[in-house]
Amino acid sequence: MSFAFEQIAGTKPEFYRSLDQQLHHLLAGETDWLANLANAAALLWMQLEEINWAGFYLMKNGQLVLGPFQGKPACVRIPLGKGVCGTAAAKRETLMVPDVHRFPGHIACDAASRSEIVVPIVVDQLVVGVLDIDSPILARFDEEDRTGLEQYVETLKQHIDWSDILEHV
């Protein structure tokens, strides 16, 4: 791999187009879920401003289990329908929470987190996990972030062999 990962500038749509290109180049030729999720989390950590956690929870035996991430240690297991991650997975839709302290049933893994976005990862009609990003800034995420991160997940899905994960969903 010989791709330079420079800090991205520009408008949010330009930022997310560049981020998506970086992800594609980073994962090209690799399909291992662990390696690719780890690199995807690291790329988000490197490029997104004003965040304090970026990573993945993967579905295992009907609950979300901590996967590759960047940030402080996190909650290991999240039941479906609980917290922002569990709710996004259960609803199969992206959730943007401007103030996590106002979200009913919020699970506080890091007291510094103030806002959160969670994007479900759906493969073969099954939720296999979620992308979770936290910020210490209130209302950090907007519709442009939603669109960009949903595309990020779509690109990620194309580069992973999900068969090992699908066995345990």
N, C-alpha and C. Protein backbone atom coordinates (compact mmCIF):
# COMPACT_ATOMS: atom_id res chain seq x y z
N MET A 1 0.85 -1.17 0.00
CA MET A 1 0.00 0.00 0.00
C MET A 1 0.90 1.23 0.00
N SER A 2 0.66 2.11 -0.96
CA SER A 2 1.45 3.34 -1.03
C SER A 2 0.52 4.51 -1.28
N PHE A 3 -0.35 4.77 -0.34
CA PHE A 3 -1.30 5.85 -0.45
C PHE A 3 -1.07 6.81 0.71
N ALA A 4 -0.93 8.09 0.41
CA ALA A 4 -0.68 9.09 1.45
C ALA A 4 -2.00 9.52 2.09
N PHE A 5 -2.08 9.42 3.41
CA PHE A 5 -3.28 9.80 4.13
C PHE A 5 -3.06 11.16 4.76
N GLU A 6 -3.36 12.20 3.99
CA GLU A 6 -3.19 13.57 4.47
C GLU A 6 -4.49 14.05 5.06
N GLN A 7 -4.38 15.04 5.92
CA GLN A 7 -5.58 15.63 6.51
C GLN A 7 -6.43 16.22 5.40
N ILE A 8 -7.72 15.97 5.45
CA ILE A 8 -8.64 16.41 4.41
C ILE A 8 -9.20 17.78 4.76
N ALA A 9 -9.29 18.65 3.74
CA ALA A 9 -9.88 19.97 3.91
C ALA A 9 -11.05 20.12 2.95
N GLY A 10 -11.76 21.23 3.04
CA GLY A 10 -12.85 21.51 2.11
C GLY A 10 -14.20 21.50 2.81
N THR A 11 -15.25 21.60 2.00
CA THR A 11 -16.61 21.55 2.53
C THR A 11 -16.87 20.15 3.07
N LYS A 12 -17.94 19.99 3.83
CA LYS A 12 -18.24 18.64 4.35
C LYS A 12 -18.48 17.63 3.23
N PRO A 13 -19.25 17.97 2.20
CA PRO A 13 -19.39 16.98 1.12
C PRO A 13 -18.05 16.63 0.47
N GLU A 14 -17.17 17.59 0.27
CA GLU A 14 -15.84 17.32 -0.28
C GLU A 14 -15.04 16.46 0.69
N PHE A 15 -15.12 16.78 1.98
CA PHE A 15 -14.43 16.01 3.01
C PHE A 15 -14.84 14.54 2.94
N TYR A 16 -16.15 14.30 2.92
CA TYR A 16 -16.62 12.91 2.93
C TYR A 16 -16.32 12.18 1.62
N ARG A 17 -16.31 12.88 0.49
CA ARG A 17 -15.90 12.23 -0.76
C ARG A 17 -14.44 11.80 -0.66
N SER A 18 -13.59 12.67 -0.13
CA SER A 18 -12.17 12.34 0.04
C SER A 18 -11.97 11.22 1.07
N LEU A 19 -12.74 11.28 2.15
CA LEU A 19 -12.65 10.24 3.18
C LEU A 19 -13.03 8.88 2.59
N ASP A 20 -14.09 8.86 1.78
CA ASP A 20 -14.53 7.63 1.14
C ASP A 20 -13.45 7.09 0.20
N GLN A 21 -12.80 7.98 -0.54
CA GLN A 21 -11.70 7.56 -1.42
C GLN A 21 -10.55 7.00 -0.61
N GLN A 22 -10.21 7.64 0.50
CA GLN A 22 -9.14 7.13 1.35
C GLN A 22 -9.49 5.75 1.89
N LEU A 23 -10.73 5.57 2.31
CA LEU A 23 -11.15 4.26 2.81
C LEU A 23 -11.02 3.21 1.72
N HIS A 24 -11.49 3.52 0.53
CA HIS A 24 -11.40 2.57 -0.58
C HIS A 24 -9.94 2.17 -0.83
N HIS A 25 -9.04 3.14 -0.88
CA HIS A 25 -7.62 2.84 -1.11
C HIS A 25 -7.01 2.05 0.05
N LEU A 26 -7.40 2.38 1.26
CA LEU A 26 -6.88 1.71 2.44
C LEU A 26 -7.26 0.23 2.48
N LEU A 27 -8.47 -0.07 2.05
CA LEU A 27 -8.99 -1.44 2.15
C LEU A 27 -8.82 -2.25 0.86
N ALA A 28 -8.40 -1.62 -0.21
CA ALA A 28 -8.29 -2.31 -1.50
C ALA A 28 -7.44 -3.57 -1.37
N GLY A 29 -7.99 -4.68 -1.86
CA GLY A 29 -7.26 -5.94 -1.87
C GLY A 29 -7.34 -6.73 -0.58
N GLU A 30 -8.03 -6.21 0.44
CA GLU A 30 -8.16 -6.91 1.72
C GLU A 30 -9.63 -7.12 2.03
N THR A 31 -10.00 -8.30 2.53
CA THR A 31 -11.40 -8.56 2.87
C THR A 31 -11.59 -9.01 4.32
N ASP A 32 -10.52 -9.11 5.09
CA ASP A 32 -10.63 -9.55 6.48
C ASP A 32 -11.40 -8.52 7.29
N TRP A 33 -12.46 -8.96 7.96
CA TRP A 33 -13.32 -8.03 8.69
C TRP A 33 -12.58 -7.32 9.82
N LEU A 34 -11.73 -8.04 10.54
CA LEU A 34 -11.04 -7.44 11.68
C LEU A 34 -10.04 -6.38 11.22
N ALA A 35 -9.24 -6.71 10.25
CA ALA A 35 -8.25 -5.76 9.73
C ALA A 35 -8.93 -4.52 9.15
N ASN A 36 -9.99 -4.74 8.38
CA ASN A 36 -10.63 -3.60 7.71
C ASN A 36 -11.43 -2.73 8.68
N LEU A 37 -12.08 -3.33 9.66
CA LEU A 37 -12.78 -2.51 10.65
C LEU A 37 -11.78 -1.72 11.50
N ALA A 38 -10.65 -2.34 11.83
CA ALA A 38 -9.62 -1.63 12.61
C ALA A 38 -9.09 -0.43 11.83
N ASN A 39 -8.78 -0.64 10.56
CA ASN A 39 -8.27 0.47 9.75
C ASN A 39 -9.34 1.53 9.51
N ALA A 40 -10.59 1.10 9.33
CA ALA A 40 -11.68 2.06 9.13
C ALA A 40 -11.87 2.94 10.37
N ALA A 41 -11.78 2.36 11.56
CA ALA A 41 -11.90 3.13 12.80
C ALA A 41 -10.72 4.10 12.94
N ALA A 42 -9.53 3.62 12.62
CA ALA A 42 -8.33 4.48 12.72
C ALA A 42 -8.41 5.65 11.74
N LEU A 43 -8.91 5.40 10.54
CA LEU A 43 -9.04 6.47 9.55
C LEU A 43 -10.02 7.53 10.04
N LEU A 44 -11.14 7.12 10.59
CA LEU A 44 -12.10 8.08 11.15
C LEU A 44 -11.46 8.89 12.27
N TRP A 45 -10.75 8.19 13.16
CA TRP A 45 -10.09 8.85 14.29
C TRP A 45 -9.08 9.89 13.80
N MET A 46 -8.39 9.57 12.74
CA MET A 46 -7.38 10.46 12.18
C MET A 46 -8.00 11.67 11.47
N GLN A 47 -9.13 11.48 10.81
CA GLN A 47 -9.67 12.52 9.95
C GLN A 47 -10.80 13.36 10.54
N LEU A 48 -11.65 12.78 11.37
CA LEU A 48 -12.77 13.54 11.91
C LEU A 48 -12.34 14.43 13.06
N GLU A 49 -12.80 15.66 13.04
CA GLU A 49 -12.48 16.60 14.10
C GLU A 49 -13.56 16.53 15.19
N GLU A 50 -13.17 16.91 16.37
CA GLU A 50 -14.08 17.04 17.51
C GLU A 50 -14.82 15.74 17.83
N ILE A 51 -14.08 14.62 17.82
CA ILE A 51 -14.66 13.36 18.27
C ILE A 51 -13.80 12.79 19.39
N ASN A 52 -14.40 11.94 20.21
CA ASN A 52 -13.63 11.30 21.28
C ASN A 52 -13.76 9.77 21.27
N TRP A 53 -14.46 9.24 20.27
CA TRP A 53 -14.55 7.78 20.12
C TRP A 53 -15.07 7.47 18.73
N ALA A 54 -14.47 6.49 18.08
CA ALA A 54 -14.93 6.04 16.77
C ALA A 54 -14.67 4.55 16.66
N GLY A 55 -15.72 3.80 16.38
CA GLY A 55 -15.50 2.37 16.26
C GLY A 55 -16.74 1.60 15.92
N PHE A 56 -16.65 0.31 16.15
CA PHE A 56 -17.69 -0.61 15.71
C PHE A 56 -18.13 -1.52 16.85
N TYR A 57 -19.42 -1.82 16.85
CA TYR A 57 -19.98 -2.89 17.65
C TYR A 57 -20.52 -3.91 16.65
N LEU A 58 -20.29 -5.18 16.90
CA LEU A 58 -20.71 -6.24 16.00
C LEU A 58 -21.75 -7.13 16.66
N MET A 59 -22.70 -7.55 15.86
CA MET A 59 -23.77 -8.40 16.36
C MET A 59 -23.24 -9.81 16.63
N LYS A 60 -23.49 -10.29 17.82
CA LYS A 60 -23.08 -11.64 18.19
C LYS A 60 -24.14 -12.22 19.12
N ASN A 61 -24.78 -13.28 18.67
CA ASN A 61 -25.82 -13.96 19.46
C ASN A 61 -26.89 -12.98 19.96
N GLY A 62 -27.32 -12.09 19.09
CA GLY A 62 -28.43 -11.20 19.41
C GLY A 62 -28.10 -9.96 20.22
N GLN A 63 -26.82 -9.66 20.42
CA GLN A 63 -26.45 -8.42 21.10
C GLN A 63 -25.23 -7.81 20.41
N LEU A 64 -25.00 -6.54 20.66
CA LEU A 64 -23.83 -5.87 20.09
C LEU A 64 -22.64 -6.07 21.01
N VAL A 65 -21.51 -6.46 20.41
CA VAL A 65 -20.28 -6.69 21.16
C VAL A 65 -19.21 -5.77 20.61
N LEU A 66 -18.43 -5.19 21.49
CA LEU A 66 -17.38 -4.25 21.11
C LEU A 66 -16.45 -4.84 20.06
N GLY A 67 -16.20 -4.06 19.03
CA GLY A 67 -15.27 -4.42 17.97
C GLY A 67 -14.13 -3.42 17.91
N PRO A 68 -13.43 -3.34 16.80
CA PRO A 68 -12.31 -2.41 16.66
C PRO A 68 -12.77 -0.96 16.86
N PHE A 69 -11.93 -0.19 17.57
CA PHE A 69 -12.27 1.21 17.85
C PHE A 69 -11.02 2.01 18.14
N GLN A 70 -11.20 3.32 18.21
CA GLN A 70 -10.19 4.27 18.65
C GLN A 70 -10.83 5.14 19.72
N GLY A 71 -10.14 5.32 20.83
CA GLY A 71 -10.67 6.13 21.92
C GLY A 71 -10.47 5.43 23.25
N LYS A 72 -11.15 5.93 24.27
CA LYS A 72 -11.06 5.34 25.60
C LYS A 72 -11.73 3.97 25.62
N PRO A 73 -11.38 3.12 26.61
CA PRO A 73 -12.08 1.84 26.74
C PRO A 73 -13.59 2.07 26.75
N ALA A 74 -14.32 1.07 26.23
CA ALA A 74 -15.76 1.24 26.02
C ALA A 74 -16.56 0.10 26.63
N CYS A 75 -17.86 0.28 26.66
CA CYS A 75 -18.78 -0.78 27.09
C CYS A 75 -18.59 -1.97 26.16
N VAL A 76 -18.60 -3.17 26.71
CA VAL A 76 -18.31 -4.37 25.91
C VAL A 76 -19.56 -4.91 25.23
N ARG A 77 -20.69 -4.95 25.93
CA ARG A 77 -21.91 -5.53 25.36
C ARG A 77 -23.07 -4.55 25.49
N ILE A 78 -23.84 -4.47 24.40
CA ILE A 78 -25.02 -3.59 24.39
C ILE A 78 -26.21 -4.41 23.87
N PRO A 79 -27.26 -4.54 24.67
CA PRO A 79 -28.44 -5.27 24.21
C PRO A 79 -29.16 -4.50 23.09
N LEU A 80 -29.79 -5.22 22.19
CA LEU A 80 -30.61 -4.57 21.16
C LEU A 80 -31.68 -3.73 21.81
N GLY A 81 -31.88 -2.53 21.28
CA GLY A 81 -32.90 -1.63 21.81
C GLY A 81 -32.44 -0.79 22.99
N LYS A 82 -31.21 -0.98 23.45
CA LYS A 82 -30.69 -0.22 24.59
C LYS A 82 -29.65 0.79 24.12
N GLY A 83 -29.66 1.97 24.70
CA GLY A 83 -28.70 2.99 24.33
C GLY A 83 -28.87 3.41 22.87
N VAL A 84 -28.01 4.29 22.42
CA VAL A 84 -28.09 4.79 21.04
C VAL A 84 -27.72 3.66 20.07
N CYS A 85 -26.66 2.92 20.36
CA CYS A 85 -26.23 1.85 19.47
C CYS A 85 -27.28 0.76 19.34
N GLY A 86 -27.77 0.29 20.46
CA GLY A 86 -28.77 -0.78 20.44
C GLY A 86 -30.07 -0.34 19.79
N THR A 87 -30.44 0.92 19.96
CA THR A 87 -31.66 1.44 19.35
C THR A 87 -31.49 1.57 17.84
N ALA A 88 -30.34 2.09 17.41
CA ALA A 88 -30.08 2.21 15.96
C ALA A 88 -30.09 0.84 15.30
N ALA A 89 -29.50 -0.15 15.96
CA ALA A 89 -29.47 -1.51 15.41
C ALA A 89 -30.88 -2.08 15.35
N ALA A 90 -31.66 -1.91 16.41
CA ALA A 90 -33.02 -2.45 16.44
C ALA A 90 -33.92 -1.79 15.40
N LYS A 91 -33.76 -0.47 15.22
CA LYS A 91 -34.57 0.27 14.26
C LYS A 91 -34.03 0.16 12.83
N ARG A 92 -32.77 -0.30 12.72
CA ARG A 92 -32.12 -0.41 11.41
C ARG A 92 -32.04 0.94 10.70
N GLU A 93 -31.77 1.99 11.50
CA GLU A 93 -31.65 3.33 10.92
C GLU A 93 -30.59 4.12 11.66
N THR A 94 -30.00 5.06 10.93
CA THR A 94 -29.00 5.93 11.53
C THR A 94 -29.65 6.83 12.56
N LEU A 95 -29.01 6.94 13.72
CA LEU A 95 -29.47 7.86 14.76
C LEU A 95 -28.41 8.93 15.00
N MET A 96 -28.85 10.18 14.97
CA MET A 96 -28.01 11.31 15.36
C MET A 96 -28.60 11.87 16.64
N VAL A 97 -27.80 11.91 17.68
CA VAL A 97 -28.29 12.39 18.97
C VAL A 97 -27.50 13.64 19.33
N PRO A 98 -28.15 14.83 19.29
CA PRO A 98 -27.43 16.07 19.57
C PRO A 98 -26.98 16.21 21.02
N ASP A 99 -27.72 15.58 21.96
CA ASP A 99 -27.37 15.63 23.38
C ASP A 99 -27.67 14.25 23.98
N VAL A 100 -26.64 13.45 24.15
CA VAL A 100 -26.84 12.08 24.62
C VAL A 100 -27.46 12.02 26.02
N HIS A 101 -27.28 13.07 26.80
CA HIS A 101 -27.84 13.08 28.15
C HIS A 101 -29.37 13.22 28.14
N ARG A 102 -29.93 13.56 27.00
CA ARG A 102 -31.38 13.67 26.84
C ARG A 102 -31.96 12.44 26.12
N PHE A 103 -31.10 11.48 25.78
CA PHE A 103 -31.57 10.28 25.09
C PHE A 103 -31.99 9.26 26.14
N PRO A 104 -33.26 8.84 26.12
CA PRO A 104 -33.73 7.87 27.11
C PRO A 104 -32.93 6.56 27.05
N GLY A 105 -32.38 6.17 28.18
CA GLY A 105 -31.63 4.92 28.25
C GLY A 105 -30.21 5.00 27.72
N HIS A 106 -29.70 6.22 27.57
CA HIS A 106 -28.32 6.37 27.07
C HIS A 106 -27.35 5.60 27.95
N ILE A 107 -26.43 4.90 27.32
CA ILE A 107 -25.39 4.16 28.04
C ILE A 107 -24.12 5.01 28.01
N ALA A 108 -23.70 5.51 29.14
CA ALA A 108 -22.56 6.42 29.20
C ALA A 108 -21.26 5.65 29.42
N CYS A 109 -20.58 5.34 28.33
CA CYS A 109 -19.27 4.69 28.43
C CYS A 109 -18.20 5.72 28.77
N ASP A 110 -18.36 6.95 28.25
CA ASP A 110 -17.43 8.04 28.52
C ASP A 110 -18.27 9.26 28.87
N ALA A 111 -18.13 9.73 30.10
CA ALA A 111 -18.93 10.87 30.57
C ALA A 111 -18.67 12.14 29.77
N ALA A 112 -17.53 12.20 29.04
CA ALA A 112 -17.21 13.38 28.25
C ALA A 112 -18.03 13.46 26.96
N SER A 113 -18.61 12.35 26.53
CA SER A 113 -19.39 12.34 25.29
C SER A 113 -20.66 13.15 25.47
N ARG A 114 -20.93 14.01 24.48
CA ARG A 114 -22.14 14.85 24.53
C ARG A 114 -23.08 14.57 23.37
N SER A 115 -22.53 14.20 22.20
CA SER A 115 -23.37 13.87 21.05
C SER A 115 -22.85 12.62 20.40
N GLU A 116 -23.71 12.01 19.55
CA GLU A 116 -23.36 10.70 19.01
C GLU A 116 -24.09 10.48 17.68
N ILE A 117 -23.43 9.74 16.80
CA ILE A 117 -24.08 9.26 15.58
C ILE A 117 -23.78 7.77 15.47
N VAL A 118 -24.80 6.99 15.12
CA VAL A 118 -24.67 5.55 14.99
C VAL A 118 -25.29 5.13 13.66
N VAL A 119 -24.50 4.44 12.84
CA VAL A 119 -24.95 3.97 11.53
C VAL A 119 -24.99 2.44 11.55
N PRO A 120 -26.17 1.85 11.36
CA PRO A 120 -26.25 0.39 11.30
C PRO A 120 -25.54 -0.16 10.06
N ILE A 121 -24.98 -1.35 10.19
CA ILE A 121 -24.35 -2.04 9.07
C ILE A 121 -25.25 -3.23 8.75
N VAL A 122 -25.91 -3.17 7.59
CA VAL A 122 -26.86 -4.21 7.19
C VAL A 122 -26.29 -4.97 6.00
N VAL A 123 -26.15 -6.28 6.16
CA VAL A 123 -25.62 -7.16 5.12
C VAL A 123 -26.61 -8.32 4.96
N ASP A 124 -27.00 -8.60 3.73
CA ASP A 124 -27.95 -9.69 3.46
C ASP A 124 -29.19 -9.58 4.34
N GLN A 125 -29.71 -8.38 4.45
CA GLN A 125 -30.93 -8.09 5.22
C GLN A 125 -30.75 -8.24 6.74
N LEU A 126 -29.53 -8.48 7.22
CA LEU A 126 -29.27 -8.64 8.65
C LEU A 126 -28.39 -7.51 9.17
N VAL A 127 -28.70 -7.02 10.36
CA VAL A 127 -27.83 -6.04 11.01
C VAL A 127 -26.64 -6.82 11.56
N VAL A 128 -25.45 -6.54 11.03
CA VAL A 128 -24.24 -7.24 11.48
C VAL A 128 -23.45 -6.41 12.48
N GLY A 129 -23.81 -5.14 12.61
CA GLY A 129 -23.12 -4.28 13.55
C GLY A 129 -23.52 -2.83 13.35
N VAL A 130 -22.78 -1.95 14.03
CA VAL A 130 -22.99 -0.51 13.89
C VAL A 130 -21.64 0.20 13.91
N LEU A 131 -21.61 1.33 13.21
CA LEU A 131 -20.53 2.30 13.33
C LEU A 131 -21.00 3.31 14.37
N ASP A 132 -20.18 3.55 15.37
CA ASP A 132 -20.53 4.46 16.46
C ASP A 132 -19.47 5.53 16.57
N ILE A 133 -19.89 6.80 16.58
CA ILE A 133 -18.95 7.91 16.74
C ILE A 133 -19.51 8.86 17.79
N ASP A 134 -18.67 9.18 18.77
CA ASP A 134 -19.05 10.07 19.87
C ASP A 134 -18.25 11.36 19.78
N SER A 135 -18.83 12.44 20.31
CA SER A 135 -18.16 13.73 20.35
C SER A 135 -18.38 14.40 21.70
N PRO A 136 -17.38 15.14 22.18
CA PRO A 136 -17.57 15.91 23.41
C PRO A 136 -18.31 17.23 23.15
N ILE A 137 -18.70 17.48 21.89
CA ILE A 137 -19.36 18.71 21.49
C ILE A 137 -20.86 18.44 21.31
N LEU A 138 -21.71 19.26 21.89
CA LEU A 138 -23.16 19.14 21.67
C LEU A 138 -23.48 19.36 20.20
N ALA A 139 -24.40 18.57 19.67
CA ALA A 139 -24.89 18.70 18.30
C ALA A 139 -23.75 18.72 17.27
N ARG A 140 -22.74 17.89 17.48
CA ARG A 140 -21.58 17.83 16.58
C ARG A 140 -21.95 17.33 15.18
N PHE A 141 -22.95 16.46 15.07
CA PHE A 141 -23.26 15.80 13.81
C PHE A 141 -24.50 16.39 13.16
N ASP A 142 -24.46 16.48 11.81
CA ASP A 142 -25.59 17.02 11.07
C ASP A 142 -25.91 16.10 9.89
N GLU A 143 -26.83 16.53 9.04
CA GLU A 143 -27.27 15.70 7.91
C GLU A 143 -26.12 15.39 6.94
N GLU A 144 -25.18 16.31 6.78
CA GLU A 144 -24.04 16.03 5.90
C GLU A 144 -23.16 14.93 6.49
N ASP A 145 -23.02 14.92 7.83
CA ASP A 145 -22.29 13.83 8.48
C ASP A 145 -23.04 12.51 8.28
N ARG A 146 -24.36 12.55 8.44
CA ARG A 146 -25.16 11.33 8.25
C ARG A 146 -24.93 10.77 6.83
N THR A 147 -25.09 11.60 5.85
CA THR A 147 -24.92 11.17 4.46
C THR A 147 -23.52 10.64 4.22
N GLY A 148 -22.51 11.36 4.69
CA GLY A 148 -21.12 10.95 4.49
C GLY A 148 -20.79 9.65 5.20
N LEU A 149 -21.27 9.49 6.42
CA LEU A 149 -20.95 8.28 7.18
C LEU A 149 -21.75 7.07 6.71
N GLU A 150 -22.96 7.30 6.21
CA GLU A 150 -23.70 6.19 5.61
C GLU A 150 -22.99 5.70 4.35
N GLN A 151 -22.44 6.62 3.56
CA GLN A 151 -21.66 6.21 2.39
C GLN A 151 -20.38 5.49 2.82
N TYR A 152 -19.76 5.96 3.88
CA TYR A 152 -18.55 5.32 4.43
C TYR A 152 -18.84 3.85 4.77
N VAL A 153 -19.98 3.61 5.40
CA VAL A 153 -20.37 2.24 5.75
C VAL A 153 -20.63 1.42 4.48
N GLU A 154 -21.26 2.03 3.48
CA GLU A 154 -21.51 1.31 2.22
C GLU A 154 -20.19 0.89 1.57
N THR A 155 -19.22 1.78 1.55
CA THR A 155 -17.90 1.45 0.99
C THR A 155 -17.24 0.36 1.81
N LEU A 156 -17.30 0.48 3.10
CA LEU A 156 -16.73 -0.52 4.00
C LEU A 156 -17.33 -1.90 3.73
N LYS A 157 -18.65 -1.95 3.60
CA LYS A 157 -19.34 -3.23 3.38
C LYS A 157 -18.82 -3.95 2.13
N GLN A 158 -18.48 -3.20 1.10
CA GLN A 158 -18.02 -3.78 -0.16
C GLN A 158 -16.64 -4.42 -0.02
N HIS A 159 -15.89 -4.06 0.99
CA HIS A 159 -14.51 -4.53 1.14
C HIS A 159 -14.35 -5.61 2.20
N ILE A 160 -15.45 -6.12 2.73
CA ILE A 160 -15.34 -7.10 3.82
C ILE A 160 -16.06 -8.39 3.46
N ASP A 161 -15.43 -9.49 3.78
CA ASP A 161 -16.08 -10.80 3.72
C ASP A 161 -16.79 -10.96 5.07
N TRP A 162 -18.10 -10.86 5.07
CA TRP A 162 -18.88 -10.86 6.30
C TRP A 162 -19.27 -12.25 6.77
N SER A 163 -18.83 -13.30 6.10
CA SER A 163 -19.31 -14.64 6.41
C SER A 163 -19.06 -15.04 7.87
N ASP A 164 -17.91 -14.71 8.43
CA ASP A 164 -17.64 -15.06 9.84
C ASP A 164 -18.60 -14.35 10.79
N ILE A 165 -18.91 -13.11 10.50
CA ILE A 165 -19.82 -12.32 11.34
C ILE A 165 -21.25 -12.84 11.18
N LEU A 166 -21.64 -13.13 9.95
CA LEU A 166 -23.01 -13.60 9.69
C LEU A 166 -23.32 -14.91 10.40
N GLU A 167 -22.30 -15.73 10.63
CA GLU A 167 -22.51 -16.99 11.35
C GLU A 167 -23.01 -16.79 12.78
N HIS A 168 -22.71 -15.63 13.38
CA HIS A 168 -23.01 -15.41 14.80
C HIS A 168 -24.14 -14.41 15.04
N VAL A 169 -24.70 -13.87 13.94
CA VAL A 169 -25.79 -12.91 14.10
C VAL A 169 -26.96 -13.67 14.58
